[in-house]
Amino acid sequence: ALQLALCRGPPTEAAAAAAEEDLRAAAAEALLFACVRSNEVKQTVLDGLCGAGQLKPAIEQSGAAAACKLLALLRALASTEPSSLVAEVMNVELAAVVVECLCKHPEDAAVQRWGLAALGALSMAGKSFAERVS
């Protein structure tokens, strides 16, 4: 259910947009907490979010508050063992999405911190992620 909350389409009204942002942030934070506890949970979330291509649009559609939580989640997922699973399941375009998010929120320290941490974890997961950014 938390994974589904991250992949909902963009809302139509301003109030709905704020609620959607809060929902994405809360879902990402809950998934992050679960991922920190277990590599098996990381594998499940990695397959569910990244295998279906749902994390990329969630990051692209998020404001700064949800983006920092999603980037922290991405960083945790990129550290899943074995790293070959990350390279197999995760789309290399996520590295470019992280860079775009960093550019979209240049003044937000949390986005910058977690975005750079996510890029570092992605580069450790596979050479293709590092090549995509350069």
N, C-alpha and C. Protein backbone atom coordinates (compact mmCIF):
# COMPACT_ATOMS: atom_id res chain seq x y z
N ALA A 1 0.82 -1.18 0.00
CA ALA A 1 0.00 0.00 0.00
C ALA A 1 0.87 1.26 0.00
N LEU A 2 1.98 1.22 0.75
CA LEU A 2 2.86 2.39 0.77
C LEU A 2 3.50 2.62 -0.58
N GLN A 3 3.86 1.53 -1.26
CA GLN A 3 4.46 1.67 -2.58
C GLN A 3 3.46 2.28 -3.55
N LEU A 4 2.20 1.91 -3.44
CA LEU A 4 1.17 2.47 -4.31
C LEU A 4 0.96 3.95 -4.05
N ALA A 5 1.13 4.38 -2.80
CA ALA A 5 0.97 5.80 -2.47
C ALA A 5 1.99 6.66 -3.18
N LEU A 6 3.17 6.11 -3.45
CA LEU A 6 4.21 6.88 -4.12
C LEU A 6 3.96 7.05 -5.60
N CYS A 7 3.17 6.18 -6.20
CA CYS A 7 3.04 6.19 -7.66
C CYS A 7 1.75 6.78 -8.18
N ARG A 8 1.00 7.42 -7.35
CA ARG A 8 -0.22 8.05 -7.82
C ARG A 8 0.12 9.20 -8.76
N GLY A 9 -0.75 9.46 -9.69
CA GLY A 9 -0.54 10.54 -10.66
C GLY A 9 -0.61 11.91 -10.02
N PRO A 10 -0.26 12.96 -10.77
CA PRO A 10 -0.29 14.31 -10.22
C PRO A 10 -1.72 14.76 -9.91
N PRO A 11 -1.92 15.42 -8.77
CA PRO A 11 -3.25 15.90 -8.40
C PRO A 11 -3.67 17.10 -9.24
N THR A 12 -4.96 17.42 -9.19
CA THR A 12 -5.47 18.50 -10.04
C THR A 12 -5.63 19.83 -9.32
N GLU A 13 -5.91 19.85 -8.06
CA GLU A 13 -6.13 21.09 -7.33
C GLU A 13 -4.98 21.36 -6.36
N ALA A 14 -4.86 22.63 -5.95
CA ALA A 14 -3.77 23.02 -5.05
C ALA A 14 -3.84 22.28 -3.72
N ALA A 15 -5.02 22.18 -3.13
CA ALA A 15 -5.16 21.48 -1.85
C ALA A 15 -4.84 20.00 -2.00
N ALA A 16 -5.27 19.43 -3.12
CA ALA A 16 -4.97 18.02 -3.38
C ALA A 16 -3.47 17.83 -3.60
N ALA A 17 -2.83 18.81 -4.22
CA ALA A 17 -1.39 18.72 -4.46
C ALA A 17 -0.62 18.71 -3.13
N ALA A 18 -1.02 19.54 -2.20
CA ALA A 18 -0.36 19.58 -0.89
C ALA A 18 -0.57 18.27 -0.14
N ALA A 19 -1.78 17.73 -0.21
CA ALA A 19 -2.07 16.46 0.45
C ALA A 19 -1.28 15.32 -0.19
N GLU A 20 -1.17 15.36 -1.51
CA GLU A 20 -0.41 14.33 -2.24
C GLU A 20 1.08 14.39 -1.86
N GLU A 21 1.59 15.60 -1.74
CA GLU A 21 3.00 15.79 -1.33
C GLU A 21 3.24 15.20 0.06
N ASP A 22 2.32 15.49 0.99
CA ASP A 22 2.43 14.94 2.34
C ASP A 22 2.35 13.42 2.34
N LEU A 23 1.46 12.89 1.52
CA LEU A 23 1.30 11.43 1.44
C LEU A 23 2.56 10.78 0.90
N ARG A 24 3.14 11.36 -0.15
CA ARG A 24 4.39 10.82 -0.72
C ARG A 24 5.51 10.85 0.32
N ALA A 25 5.64 11.96 1.03
CA ALA A 25 6.69 12.09 2.03
C ALA A 25 6.52 11.05 3.14
N ALA A 26 5.29 10.88 3.61
CA ALA A 26 5.03 9.91 4.69
C ALA A 26 5.28 8.48 4.22
N ALA A 27 4.84 8.15 3.01
CA ALA A 27 5.04 6.80 2.48
C ALA A 27 6.53 6.51 2.28
N ALA A 28 7.26 7.49 1.75
CA ALA A 28 8.70 7.31 1.54
C ALA A 28 9.43 7.13 2.87
N GLU A 29 9.03 7.90 3.87
CA GLU A 29 9.67 7.79 5.19
C GLU A 29 9.39 6.43 5.82
N ALA A 30 8.16 5.94 5.70
CA ALA A 30 7.82 4.63 6.25
C ALA A 30 8.58 3.52 5.53
N LEU A 31 8.66 3.59 4.21
CA LEU A 31 9.40 2.58 3.46
C LEU A 31 10.89 2.64 3.79
N LEU A 32 11.42 3.85 3.96
CA LEU A 32 12.82 4.00 4.33
C LEU A 32 13.10 3.33 5.67
N PHE A 33 12.23 3.57 6.64
CA PHE A 33 12.41 2.96 7.96
C PHE A 33 12.41 1.43 7.84
N ALA A 34 11.50 0.89 7.05
CA ALA A 34 11.44 -0.56 6.87
C ALA A 34 12.69 -1.08 6.16
N CYS A 35 13.19 -0.34 5.20
CA CYS A 35 14.37 -0.77 4.44
C CYS A 35 15.64 -0.78 5.28
N VAL A 36 15.72 0.13 6.22
CA VAL A 36 16.91 0.22 7.07
C VAL A 36 17.04 -1.03 7.94
N ARG A 37 15.92 -1.64 8.24
CA ARG A 37 15.89 -2.80 9.13
C ARG A 37 16.34 -4.10 8.49
N SER A 38 16.15 -4.27 7.18
CA SER A 38 16.35 -5.58 6.58
C SER A 38 16.69 -5.48 5.10
N ASN A 39 17.70 -6.23 4.68
CA ASN A 39 18.05 -6.29 3.27
C ASN A 39 16.94 -6.98 2.47
N GLU A 40 16.26 -7.95 3.09
CA GLU A 40 15.15 -8.62 2.41
C GLU A 40 14.03 -7.65 2.09
N VAL A 41 13.75 -6.75 3.03
CA VAL A 41 12.72 -5.73 2.78
C VAL A 41 13.19 -4.81 1.66
N LYS A 42 14.47 -4.43 1.67
CA LYS A 42 15.01 -3.60 0.60
C LYS A 42 14.81 -4.26 -0.75
N GLN A 43 15.07 -5.57 -0.81
CA GLN A 43 14.90 -6.29 -2.08
C GLN A 43 13.45 -6.25 -2.55
N THR A 44 12.52 -6.40 -1.63
CA THR A 44 11.10 -6.38 -1.97
C THR A 44 10.68 -4.99 -2.46
N VAL A 45 11.09 -3.96 -1.75
CA VAL A 45 10.73 -2.59 -2.14
C VAL A 45 11.43 -2.22 -3.45
N LEU A 46 12.68 -2.63 -3.60
CA LEU A 46 13.42 -2.37 -4.84
C LEU A 46 12.68 -2.96 -6.02
N ASP A 47 12.25 -4.20 -5.90
CA ASP A 47 11.53 -4.86 -6.98
C ASP A 47 10.18 -4.19 -7.22
N GLY A 48 9.48 -3.84 -6.15
CA GLY A 48 8.15 -3.24 -6.28
C GLY A 48 8.16 -1.85 -6.87
N LEU A 49 9.07 -1.00 -6.41
CA LEU A 49 9.10 0.39 -6.88
C LEU A 49 9.93 0.57 -8.15
N CYS A 50 11.12 0.02 -8.13
CA CYS A 50 12.03 0.25 -9.25
C CYS A 50 11.76 -0.70 -10.40
N GLY A 51 11.39 -1.94 -10.08
CA GLY A 51 11.08 -2.90 -11.13
C GLY A 51 9.91 -2.46 -11.97
N ALA A 52 8.97 -1.80 -11.36
CA ALA A 52 7.79 -1.30 -12.08
C ALA A 52 7.99 0.12 -12.60
N GLY A 53 9.14 0.71 -12.34
CA GLY A 53 9.42 2.06 -12.83
C GLY A 53 8.64 3.16 -12.13
N GLN A 54 8.27 2.95 -10.89
CA GLN A 54 7.42 3.90 -10.19
C GLN A 54 8.17 4.95 -9.38
N LEU A 55 9.43 4.69 -9.05
CA LEU A 55 10.17 5.65 -8.25
C LEU A 55 10.55 6.90 -9.05
N LYS A 56 10.89 6.72 -10.31
CA LYS A 56 11.30 7.84 -11.15
C LYS A 56 10.23 8.93 -11.24
N PRO A 57 8.98 8.60 -11.63
CA PRO A 57 7.97 9.66 -11.69
C PRO A 57 7.62 10.24 -10.32
N ALA A 58 7.73 9.43 -9.28
CA ALA A 58 7.45 9.94 -7.93
C ALA A 58 8.44 11.04 -7.57
N ILE A 59 9.71 10.84 -7.88
CA ILE A 59 10.73 11.86 -7.60
C ILE A 59 10.49 13.09 -8.49
N GLU A 60 10.21 12.86 -9.76
CA GLU A 60 10.01 13.96 -10.70
C GLU A 60 8.83 14.85 -10.32
N GLN A 61 7.77 14.27 -9.77
CA GLN A 61 6.55 15.01 -9.46
C GLN A 61 6.55 15.63 -8.07
N SER A 62 7.58 15.37 -7.28
CA SER A 62 7.57 15.80 -5.88
C SER A 62 8.20 17.16 -5.68
N GLY A 63 7.68 17.84 -4.66
CA GLY A 63 8.31 19.07 -4.19
C GLY A 63 9.48 18.71 -3.28
N ALA A 64 10.09 19.70 -2.71
CA ALA A 64 11.30 19.49 -1.90
C ALA A 64 11.05 18.59 -0.69
N ALA A 65 9.92 18.75 -0.01
CA ALA A 65 9.66 17.98 1.21
C ALA A 65 9.61 16.49 0.94
N ALA A 66 8.90 16.09 -0.10
CA ALA A 66 8.82 14.67 -0.43
C ALA A 66 10.08 14.20 -1.15
N ALA A 67 10.69 15.08 -1.94
CA ALA A 67 11.87 14.69 -2.70
C ALA A 67 13.01 14.24 -1.79
N CYS A 68 13.23 14.95 -0.69
CA CYS A 68 14.34 14.55 0.19
C CYS A 68 14.07 13.16 0.79
N LYS A 69 12.82 12.85 1.11
CA LYS A 69 12.47 11.53 1.64
C LYS A 69 12.64 10.46 0.56
N LEU A 70 12.21 10.77 -0.66
CA LEU A 70 12.34 9.83 -1.76
C LEU A 70 13.81 9.59 -2.11
N LEU A 71 14.62 10.63 -2.05
CA LEU A 71 16.05 10.47 -2.33
C LEU A 71 16.73 9.65 -1.24
N ALA A 72 16.31 9.82 0.01
CA ALA A 72 16.84 8.98 1.09
C ALA A 72 16.44 7.53 0.87
N LEU A 73 15.21 7.30 0.43
CA LEU A 73 14.76 5.95 0.12
C LEU A 73 15.56 5.37 -1.04
N LEU A 74 15.78 6.17 -2.07
CA LEU A 74 16.58 5.72 -3.22
C LEU A 74 17.98 5.34 -2.77
N ARG A 75 18.57 6.13 -1.89
CA ARG A 75 19.91 5.83 -1.38
C ARG A 75 19.91 4.49 -0.65
N ALA A 76 18.89 4.23 0.16
CA ALA A 76 18.79 2.95 0.87
C ALA A 76 18.61 1.80 -0.11
N LEU A 77 17.76 1.99 -1.11
CA LEU A 77 17.53 0.92 -2.09
C LEU A 77 18.77 0.64 -2.93
N ALA A 78 19.53 1.68 -3.23
CA ALA A 78 20.75 1.49 -4.02
C ALA A 78 21.82 0.71 -3.27
N SER A 79 21.68 0.62 -1.94
CA SER A 79 22.65 -0.13 -1.15
C SER A 79 22.21 -1.57 -0.90
N THR A 80 21.17 -2.01 -1.60
CA THR A 80 20.69 -3.38 -1.47
C THR A 80 21.78 -4.36 -1.91
N GLU A 81 21.91 -5.44 -1.17
CA GLU A 81 22.85 -6.50 -1.53
C GLU A 81 22.07 -7.65 -2.14
N PRO A 82 22.56 -8.30 -3.15
CA PRO A 82 23.78 -8.00 -3.89
C PRO A 82 23.59 -6.80 -4.82
N SER A 83 24.68 -6.08 -5.06
CA SER A 83 24.59 -4.89 -5.90
C SER A 83 24.20 -5.24 -7.33
N SER A 84 24.45 -6.47 -7.74
CA SER A 84 24.04 -6.89 -9.08
C SER A 84 22.53 -6.82 -9.24
N LEU A 85 21.79 -7.04 -8.15
CA LEU A 85 20.33 -6.93 -8.18
C LEU A 85 19.92 -5.48 -8.43
N VAL A 86 20.61 -4.55 -7.81
CA VAL A 86 20.33 -3.13 -8.01
C VAL A 86 20.55 -2.76 -9.48
N ALA A 87 21.68 -3.19 -10.02
CA ALA A 87 21.99 -2.87 -11.42
C ALA A 87 20.99 -3.52 -12.37
N GLU A 88 20.47 -4.66 -11.99
CA GLU A 88 19.51 -5.38 -12.83
C GLU A 88 18.12 -4.75 -12.79
N VAL A 89 17.67 -4.34 -11.61
CA VAL A 89 16.29 -3.89 -11.42
C VAL A 89 16.12 -2.39 -11.60
N MET A 90 17.09 -1.61 -11.13
CA MET A 90 16.94 -0.16 -11.12
C MET A 90 17.29 0.44 -12.48
N ASN A 91 16.47 1.37 -12.93
CA ASN A 91 16.66 2.06 -14.19
C ASN A 91 17.83 3.04 -14.07
N VAL A 92 18.76 3.00 -15.01
CA VAL A 92 19.91 3.91 -14.95
C VAL A 92 19.49 5.37 -15.08
N GLU A 93 18.29 5.62 -15.60
CA GLU A 93 17.78 6.98 -15.72
C GLU A 93 17.57 7.63 -14.35
N LEU A 94 17.49 6.83 -13.28
CA LEU A 94 17.31 7.40 -11.95
C LEU A 94 18.46 8.32 -11.58
N ALA A 95 19.66 8.03 -12.05
CA ALA A 95 20.80 8.91 -11.76
C ALA A 95 20.56 10.30 -12.35
N ALA A 96 20.06 10.35 -13.57
CA ALA A 96 19.77 11.64 -14.21
C ALA A 96 18.62 12.35 -13.50
N VAL A 97 17.64 11.59 -13.02
CA VAL A 97 16.51 12.17 -12.30
C VAL A 97 17.00 12.81 -11.00
N VAL A 98 17.96 12.17 -10.34
CA VAL A 98 18.52 12.74 -9.11
C VAL A 98 19.20 14.07 -9.41
N VAL A 99 19.97 14.12 -10.48
CA VAL A 99 20.65 15.36 -10.85
C VAL A 99 19.62 16.45 -11.16
N GLU A 100 18.57 16.10 -11.88
CA GLU A 100 17.50 17.07 -12.17
C GLU A 100 16.85 17.57 -10.89
N CYS A 101 16.65 16.68 -9.93
CA CYS A 101 16.05 17.06 -8.65
C CYS A 101 16.98 18.00 -7.89
N LEU A 102 18.27 17.74 -7.92
CA LEU A 102 19.24 18.63 -7.27
C LEU A 102 19.18 20.02 -7.89
N CYS A 103 19.03 20.08 -9.21
CA CYS A 103 18.95 21.37 -9.90
C CYS A 103 17.62 22.07 -9.62
N LYS A 104 16.56 21.31 -9.45
CA LYS A 104 15.22 21.84 -9.21
C LYS A 104 15.12 22.47 -7.81
N HIS A 105 15.88 21.94 -6.85
CA HIS A 105 15.83 22.41 -5.46
C HIS A 105 17.24 22.78 -4.96
N PRO A 106 17.87 23.78 -5.58
CA PRO A 106 19.26 24.09 -5.23
C PRO A 106 19.44 24.67 -3.83
N GLU A 107 18.40 25.25 -3.27
CA GLU A 107 18.51 25.90 -1.97
C GLU A 107 18.11 24.99 -0.80
N ASP A 108 17.60 23.81 -1.10
CA ASP A 108 17.12 22.92 -0.05
C ASP A 108 18.25 21.98 0.39
N ALA A 109 18.73 22.18 1.60
CA ALA A 109 19.88 21.41 2.10
C ALA A 109 19.58 19.92 2.19
N ALA A 110 18.38 19.54 2.59
CA ALA A 110 18.04 18.11 2.72
C ALA A 110 18.01 17.44 1.35
N VAL A 111 17.47 18.12 0.36
CA VAL A 111 17.46 17.55 -0.99
C VAL A 111 18.89 17.39 -1.50
N GLN A 112 19.72 18.40 -1.27
CA GLN A 112 21.11 18.33 -1.71
C GLN A 112 21.85 17.18 -1.01
N ARG A 113 21.66 17.07 0.30
CA ARG A 113 22.34 16.03 1.08
C ARG A 113 21.93 14.64 0.60
N TRP A 114 20.62 14.39 0.52
CA TRP A 114 20.15 13.05 0.16
C TRP A 114 20.34 12.77 -1.32
N GLY A 115 20.29 13.80 -2.15
CA GLY A 115 20.54 13.60 -3.57
C GLY A 115 21.97 13.17 -3.83
N LEU A 116 22.91 13.83 -3.18
CA LEU A 116 24.32 13.45 -3.34
C LEU A 116 24.60 12.08 -2.74
N ALA A 117 23.95 11.78 -1.62
CA ALA A 117 24.10 10.45 -1.02
C ALA A 117 23.54 9.37 -1.95
N ALA A 118 22.41 9.67 -2.59
CA ALA A 118 21.81 8.72 -3.53
C ALA A 118 22.72 8.51 -4.74
N LEU A 119 23.31 9.59 -5.25
CA LEU A 119 24.24 9.46 -6.38
C LEU A 119 25.45 8.62 -6.00
N GLY A 120 25.96 8.81 -4.80
CA GLY A 120 27.10 8.00 -4.34
C GLY A 120 26.74 6.54 -4.24
N ALA A 121 25.56 6.25 -3.69
CA ALA A 121 25.13 4.85 -3.57
C ALA A 121 24.88 4.23 -4.94
N LEU A 122 24.31 5.00 -5.85
CA LEU A 122 24.08 4.49 -7.20
C LEU A 122 25.40 4.19 -7.91
N SER A 123 26.38 5.07 -7.74
CA SER A 123 27.67 4.84 -8.40
C SER A 123 28.38 3.61 -7.83
N MET A 124 28.14 3.32 -6.56
CA MET A 124 28.71 2.12 -5.97
C MET A 124 27.96 0.86 -6.43
N ALA A 125 26.70 1.01 -6.81
CA ALA A 125 25.89 -0.13 -7.24
C ALA A 125 26.24 -0.60 -8.64
N GLY A 126 26.74 0.30 -9.47
CA GLY A 126 27.07 -0.13 -10.82
C GLY A 126 27.68 0.99 -11.65
N LYS A 127 28.57 0.60 -12.53
CA LYS A 127 29.27 1.55 -13.38
C LYS A 127 28.31 2.30 -14.30
N SER A 128 27.23 1.65 -14.72
CA SER A 128 26.29 2.28 -15.65
C SER A 128 25.62 3.51 -15.04
N PHE A 129 25.42 3.52 -13.72
CA PHE A 129 24.82 4.69 -13.07
C PHE A 129 25.79 5.87 -13.09
N ALA A 130 27.06 5.61 -12.83
CA ALA A 130 28.06 6.69 -12.85
C ALA A 130 28.23 7.23 -14.27
N GLU A 131 28.18 6.37 -15.26
CA GLU A 131 28.31 6.81 -16.65
C GLU A 131 27.13 7.66 -17.07
N ARG A 132 25.96 7.37 -16.55
CA ARG A 132 24.75 8.10 -16.92
C ARG A 132 24.79 9.54 -16.45
N VAL A 133 25.45 9.80 -15.35
CA VAL A 133 25.52 11.15 -14.78
C VAL A 133 26.57 11.98 -15.50
N SER A 134 27.67 11.37 -15.92
CA SER A 134 28.76 12.15 -16.50
C SER A 134 28.50 12.60 -17.90
